[in-house]
Amino acid sequence: MEIDWDDSVSMRLACLALDKGRLTDDLVTALAVRGALLVDLTLGGRVTETADAVEFDVGPSGFAPADQLLAGGAPSLSELLGRGPVDQHDLAAEHLRRGS
């Protein structure tokens, strides 16, 4: 399934992370961004749950923040959410790149 990144949960969340025109810079927002990216990837069929694991399709998605999140790797899903390599600044940069 193709993911519409322009209308994705993660890109919408990035817009909500603005406070008076400035990007919020707290740990909760970064965690929410990574969670939203995982929701988008799951809805797009790129994250699946098996009987004993969560599996990721790490092939290129065409969306740099998602690719960066998956390429970063982590020993657990909790670790990926808590300390993954993507935050609100990456999604803001993607908004600018896309002109949205």
Protein backbone atom coordinates (compact mmCIF):
# COMPACT_ATOMS: atom_id res chain seq x y z
CA MET A 1 0.00 0.00 0.00
CA GLU A 2 1.31 3.43 -0.96
CA ILE A 3 1.50 5.94 1.89
CA ASP A 4 0.25 9.47 1.22
CA TRP A 5 2.96 11.25 3.20
CA ASP A 6 1.50 14.72 2.56
CA ASP A 7 -1.68 13.68 4.40
CA SER A 8 0.02 11.45 6.98
CA VAL A 9 -0.41 11.43 10.75
CA SER A 10 3.25 12.38 11.20
CA MET A 11 3.10 15.41 8.90
CA ARG A 12 -0.09 16.63 10.58
CA LEU A 13 1.52 16.21 13.98
CA ALA A 14 4.50 18.28 12.85
CA CYS A 15 2.11 21.16 12.16
CA LEU A 16 0.67 20.81 15.66
CA ALA A 17 4.19 21.02 17.11
CA LEU A 18 4.32 24.72 16.29
CA ASP A 19 3.95 27.16 19.16
CA LYS A 20 3.55 30.78 18.07
CA GLY A 21 5.35 29.99 14.83
CA ARG A 22 8.26 28.20 16.51
CA LEU A 23 8.81 24.48 16.70
CA THR A 24 8.41 23.06 20.20
CA ASP A 25 11.59 21.54 21.50
CA ASP A 26 10.55 19.04 24.16
CA LEU A 27 11.07 15.31 24.52
CA VAL A 28 7.36 14.46 24.40
CA THR A 29 6.99 15.96 20.92
CA ALA A 30 9.94 13.95 19.60
CA LEU A 31 8.42 10.75 21.04
CA ALA A 32 5.04 11.62 19.50
CA VAL A 33 6.67 12.21 16.10
CA ARG A 34 8.35 8.81 16.14
CA GLY A 35 5.10 7.19 17.26
CA ALA A 36 3.18 8.93 14.47
CA LEU A 37 5.73 7.76 11.90
CA LEU A 38 5.29 4.19 13.17
CA VAL A 39 1.50 4.58 12.86
CA ASP A 40 1.90 5.79 9.27
CA LEU A 41 4.26 2.92 8.46
CA THR A 42 1.88 0.41 10.07
CA LEU A 43 -1.13 1.76 8.17
CA GLY A 44 0.96 1.51 5.01
CA GLY A 45 1.78 -2.15 5.69
CA ARG A 46 5.47 -1.46 6.39
CA VAL A 47 5.34 -2.55 10.06
CA THR A 48 3.82 -5.92 10.93
CA GLU A 49 3.44 -7.90 14.10
CA THR A 50 4.23 -11.60 14.15
CA ALA A 51 3.72 -14.07 16.98
CA ASP A 52 6.98 -13.09 18.65
CA ALA A 53 8.26 -9.90 17.01
CA VAL A 54 7.56 -6.66 15.20
CA GLU A 55 8.97 -6.67 11.67
CA PHE A 56 9.85 -3.65 9.54
CA ASP A 57 9.99 -3.30 5.78
CA VAL A 58 13.18 -1.23 5.63
CA GLY A 59 13.13 -0.65 1.87
CA PRO A 60 12.99 2.97 0.72
CA SER A 61 9.62 4.59 1.43
CA GLY A 62 10.20 7.81 -0.48
CA PHE A 63 9.87 9.76 2.77
CA ALA A 64 13.21 10.70 4.33
CA PRO A 65 12.10 10.83 8.01
CA ALA A 66 10.53 7.34 7.79
CA ASP A 67 13.59 5.94 6.04
CA GLN A 68 15.84 7.53 8.66
CA LEU A 69 13.75 6.08 11.50
CA LEU A 70 13.88 2.56 10.07
CA ALA A 71 17.56 2.74 9.14
CA GLY A 72 18.51 3.87 12.65
CA GLY A 73 17.72 0.46 14.08
CA ALA A 74 17.07 -0.22 17.74
CA PRO A 75 17.15 -3.24 20.01
CA SER A 76 13.45 -2.81 20.83
CA LEU A 77 10.36 -0.88 19.79
CA SER A 78 10.50 1.00 23.10
CA GLU A 79 14.07 2.06 22.36
CA LEU A 80 13.10 3.18 18.85
CA LEU A 81 10.26 5.30 20.25
CA GLY A 82 12.27 6.71 23.12
CA ARG A 83 15.57 7.45 21.40
CA GLY A 84 15.04 7.03 17.68
CA PRO A 85 16.98 9.16 15.19
CA VAL A 86 14.00 11.31 14.07
CA ASP A 87 12.25 14.22 15.77
CA GLN A 88 10.01 17.19 15.01
CA HIS A 89 12.88 19.05 13.35
CA ASP A 90 13.17 16.33 10.70
CA LEU A 91 9.47 16.59 9.88
CA ALA A 92 9.63 20.39 9.81
CA ALA A 93 12.49 20.14 7.33
CA GLU A 94 10.39 17.75 5.22
CA HIS A 95 7.49 20.24 5.25
CA LEU A 96 9.84 22.93 3.97
CA ARG A 97 11.30 20.62 1.33
CA ARG A 98 7.81 19.76 0.09
CA GLY A 99 6.58 23.35 0.27
CA SER A 100 3.67 22.42 2.51
